[in-house]
Amino acid sequence: MEIAFGLLVLALIILGLRNRKKEKTAWVKEERYDESGQWIDKRSSGERGTYGSLDEEMEAKRRYIAKQSKISELAQIIQAFCFAQHPDFPSLSDEQIKRHLAFCKSEALGLFEQIEILTNGKEINIAETAFPADNLRTALKKQVLDFSFERFPKLLEAEIEQIKKFDLAAEYLASRILGEIERLGMGEQ
C-alpha cells in the first residue's frame, strides 16, 4: 500500500511539473497579431519586466522592416506591370530600369504614407484633377489599389470621400510612373 501511495505522489508531482512548464510558456502561445500586423502583447507588465523598452525597439524595427518589404513588393509589382504592358519599357537600358525601380520605390513610399494617414483615422488632402481616358494608367491604378486594399484591409473602413481621394492618389501615382517611363525613354535618344 505504501508503494502505491508513493507512486501516486510521484505521478502527481510529475504531472504538476509538466503543467507548470506549460503555464510558463502559455503566453507565447497566446501571441496574436491584429489586422495591420501589429503584435498584441498579452503579457502583464510584471512579466515584461525591464525589457519593455527593448520590446518597443524591436517592434519598431519589425514594423520598419515590414513597411520596407511592402514598399519593395509594390514597386516590383508596378515594374512587372510596366514591363508587361508598356510598349516602351522593354527598350530601356538596365541603368534606366534601375532608376525606374528607385522612382517606383519613392512613389510607393509616398502612397504608404497616405495609407498610414488613412488607417490612423485622419484625412488626406488631394487636389482633384480630371485625367483624360487612358487604359494603361487605369490598369496600373487598379493594380496599385488591389495591392493596397489586400495588404491594408483597414483602408476599407475609411469614409467614402477618403476612399475616393485615395483612389485619386493611386491615379496620380500611376500617371507619374508612366510619365517617368516616357521621360527615361526620351533621355535615351
Protein backbone atom coordinates (compact mmCIF):
# COMPACT_ATOMS: atom_id res chain seq x y z
CA MET A 1 0.00 0.00 0.00
CA GLU A 2 2.83 2.38 0.85
CA ILE A 3 4.44 1.71 -2.53
CA ALA A 4 1.19 2.50 -4.35
CA PHE A 5 0.79 5.72 -2.36
CA GLY A 6 4.40 6.66 -3.14
CA LEU A 7 3.85 6.03 -6.86
CA LEU A 8 0.66 8.12 -6.79
CA VAL A 9 2.51 11.03 -5.14
CA LEU A 10 5.34 10.70 -7.68
CA ALA A 11 2.84 10.71 -10.58
CA LEU A 12 1.12 13.83 -9.18
CA ILE A 13 4.48 15.61 -8.81
CA ILE A 14 5.45 14.79 -12.40
CA LEU A 15 2.04 15.90 -13.67
CA GLY A 16 2.29 19.12 -11.67
CA LEU A 17 5.75 19.90 -13.04
CA ARG A 18 4.57 19.30 -16.61
CA ASN A 19 1.59 21.62 -16.14
CA ARG A 20 3.81 24.27 -14.54
CA LYS A 21 6.12 24.18 -17.55
CA LYS A 22 3.13 24.57 -19.88
CA GLU A 23 1.86 27.57 -17.89
CA LYS A 24 5.24 29.32 -18.12
CA THR A 25 5.15 29.18 -21.91
CA ALA A 26 1.40 29.68 -22.28
CA TRP A 27 1.78 33.42 -23.03
CA VAL A 28 3.96 32.56 -26.01
CA LYS A 29 1.13 30.50 -27.47
CA GLU A 30 -1.29 33.38 -26.84
CA GLU A 31 0.59 35.76 -29.16
CA ARG A 32 -1.80 37.43 -31.53
CA TYR A 33 -1.40 39.77 -34.42
CA ASP A 34 -4.12 42.25 -35.29
CA GLU A 35 -5.23 43.02 -38.86
CA SER A 36 -2.43 45.51 -39.55
CA GLY A 37 0.27 43.03 -38.48
CA GLN A 38 0.86 44.66 -35.09
CA TRP A 39 1.73 42.21 -32.33
CA ILE A 40 -0.60 42.38 -29.36
CA ASP A 41 1.39 41.64 -26.20
CA LYS A 42 -0.71 39.53 -23.84
CA ARG A 43 1.90 39.57 -21.05
CA SER A 44 1.29 41.65 -17.95
CA SER A 45 3.68 44.48 -17.15
CA GLY A 46 5.28 42.36 -14.44
CA GLU A 47 6.07 39.61 -16.94
CA ARG A 48 7.68 42.13 -19.29
CA GLY A 49 10.00 43.36 -16.56
CA THR A 50 12.71 45.80 -17.56
CA TYR A 51 12.67 44.64 -21.14
CA GLY A 52 9.59 46.68 -22.11
CA SER A 53 11.67 49.34 -23.83
CA LEU A 54 13.59 46.67 -25.71
CA ASP A 55 10.29 45.16 -26.82
CA GLU A 56 9.24 48.56 -28.19
CA GLU A 57 12.53 48.98 -30.05
CA MET A 58 12.27 45.52 -31.57
CA GLU A 59 8.65 46.12 -32.51
CA ALA A 60 9.51 49.44 -34.17
CA LYS A 61 12.31 47.74 -36.09
CA ARG A 62 9.97 44.94 -37.15
CA ARG A 63 7.38 47.48 -38.36
CA TYR A 64 10.06 49.36 -40.33
CA ILE A 65 11.28 46.16 -42.00
CA ALA A 66 7.71 45.09 -42.82
CA LYS A 67 6.99 48.52 -44.31
CA GLN A 68 10.13 48.43 -46.46
CA SER A 69 9.22 44.94 -47.61
CA LYS A 70 5.76 46.07 -48.69
CA ILE A 71 7.20 49.13 -50.47
CA SER A 72 9.63 46.92 -52.40
CA GLU A 73 6.85 44.46 -53.21
CA LEU A 74 4.61 47.22 -54.58
CA ALA A 75 7.50 48.70 -56.60
CA GLN A 76 8.23 45.32 -58.14
CA ILE A 77 4.55 44.75 -58.96
CA ILE A 78 4.46 48.15 -60.66
CA GLN A 79 7.63 47.46 -62.60
CA ALA A 80 6.45 43.99 -63.67
CA PHE A 81 3.20 45.57 -64.87
CA CYS A 82 5.14 48.23 -66.81
CA PHE A 83 7.39 45.61 -68.38
CA ALA A 84 4.41 43.52 -69.49
CA GLN A 85 2.09 46.34 -70.58
CA HIS A 86 4.04 49.46 -71.55
CA PRO A 87 5.36 49.28 -75.15
CA ASP A 88 8.46 51.44 -74.44
CA PHE A 89 9.57 49.82 -71.18
CA PRO A 90 11.38 46.75 -72.60
CA SER A 91 13.56 49.03 -74.75
CA LEU A 92 15.00 50.83 -71.68
CA SER A 93 18.59 50.09 -70.68
CA ASP A 94 19.46 48.28 -67.44
CA GLU A 95 20.54 51.56 -65.83
CA GLN A 96 17.24 53.22 -66.77
CA ILE A 97 15.30 50.27 -65.38
CA LYS A 98 17.22 50.58 -62.10
CA ARG A 99 16.41 54.29 -61.95
CA HIS A 100 12.77 53.50 -62.69
CA LEU A 101 12.69 50.95 -59.84
CA ALA A 102 14.13 53.55 -57.45
CA PHE A 103 11.49 56.02 -58.67
CA CYS A 104 8.76 53.38 -58.11
CA LYS A 105 10.00 52.82 -54.55
CA SER A 106 9.91 56.54 -53.78
CA GLU A 107 6.39 56.79 -55.20
CA ALA A 108 5.33 53.70 -53.22
CA LEU A 109 6.70 55.31 -50.05
CA GLY A 110 4.51 58.36 -50.64
CA LEU A 111 1.48 56.13 -51.15
CA PHE A 112 2.26 54.21 -47.95
CA GLU A 113 2.41 57.47 -46.02
CA GLN A 114 -1.10 58.24 -47.24
CA ILE A 115 -2.21 54.72 -46.27
CA GLU A 116 -0.85 55.27 -42.75
CA ILE A 117 -2.73 58.57 -42.50
CA LEU A 118 -5.99 56.89 -43.57
CA THR A 119 -5.58 53.83 -41.33
CA ASN A 120 -4.94 56.13 -38.36
CA GLY A 121 -8.34 57.74 -38.95
CA LYS A 122 -7.07 61.03 -40.37
CA GLU A 123 -7.96 62.60 -43.69
CA ILE A 124 -5.76 63.03 -46.75
CA ASN A 125 -5.96 66.12 -48.90
CA ILE A 126 -5.52 65.84 -52.66
CA ALA A 127 -6.35 68.38 -55.31
CA GLU A 128 -8.83 66.83 -57.69
CA THR A 129 -7.85 66.80 -61.33
CA ALA A 130 -9.68 65.29 -64.27
CA PHE A 131 -7.49 62.84 -66.15
CA PRO A 132 -8.04 62.06 -69.83
CA ALA A 133 -9.04 58.46 -70.52
CA ASP A 134 -6.03 56.14 -70.62
CA ASN A 135 -6.42 52.37 -70.39
CA LEU A 136 -2.81 51.77 -69.34
CA ARG A 137 -2.97 54.29 -66.47
CA THR A 138 -6.32 52.88 -65.33
CA ALA A 139 -4.96 49.32 -65.36
CA LEU A 140 -1.88 50.34 -63.35
CA LYS A 141 -4.07 52.24 -60.88
CA LYS A 142 -6.17 49.10 -60.46
CA GLN A 143 -3.03 47.04 -59.70
CA VAL A 144 -1.98 49.58 -57.04
CA LEU A 145 -5.45 49.66 -55.47
CA ASP A 146 -5.71 45.85 -55.45
CA PHE A 147 -2.36 45.63 -53.66
CA SER A 148 -3.29 48.36 -51.17
CA PHE A 149 -6.69 47.00 -50.21
CA GLU A 150 -5.37 43.44 -49.99
CA ARG A 151 -2.46 44.37 -47.69
CA PHE A 152 -4.35 47.01 -45.69
CA PRO A 153 -7.98 45.91 -45.24
CA LYS A 154 -8.43 48.68 -42.68
CA LEU A 155 -8.49 51.13 -45.62
CA LEU A 156 -11.99 49.93 -46.39
CA GLU A 157 -13.15 51.28 -43.04
CA ALA A 158 -12.37 54.87 -44.12
CA GLU A 159 -15.10 57.29 -45.14
CA ILE A 160 -16.25 57.06 -48.77
CA GLU A 161 -14.85 60.50 -49.56
CA GLN A 162 -11.45 59.46 -48.24
CA ILE A 163 -11.53 56.25 -50.28
CA LYS A 164 -12.27 58.37 -53.36
CA LYS A 165 -9.30 60.59 -52.53
CA PHE A 166 -7.11 57.52 -52.10
CA ASP A 167 -8.31 56.30 -55.50
CA LEU A 168 -7.25 59.66 -56.92
CA ALA A 169 -3.86 59.34 -55.18
CA ALA A 170 -3.39 55.96 -56.89
CA GLU A 171 -4.30 57.60 -60.21
CA TYR A 172 -1.67 60.31 -59.64
CA LEU A 173 0.87 57.62 -58.80
CA ALA A 174 0.08 55.67 -61.98
CA SER A 175 0.34 58.85 -64.04
CA ARG A 176 3.74 59.75 -62.55
CA ILE A 177 5.06 56.19 -63.03
CA LEU A 178 4.05 56.11 -66.70
CA GLY A 179 5.36 59.65 -67.21
CA GLU A 180 8.72 58.58 -65.79
CA ILE A 181 8.95 55.79 -68.38
CA GLU A 182 8.37 58.32 -71.14
CA ARG A 183 10.93 60.68 -69.60
CA LEU A 184 13.53 57.91 -69.37
CA GLY A 185 12.80 56.85 -72.95
CA MET A 186 13.30 60.42 -74.20
CA GLY A 187 16.59 60.75 -72.33
CA GLU A 188 17.99 57.74 -74.19
CA GLN A 189 17.75 59.43 -77.59
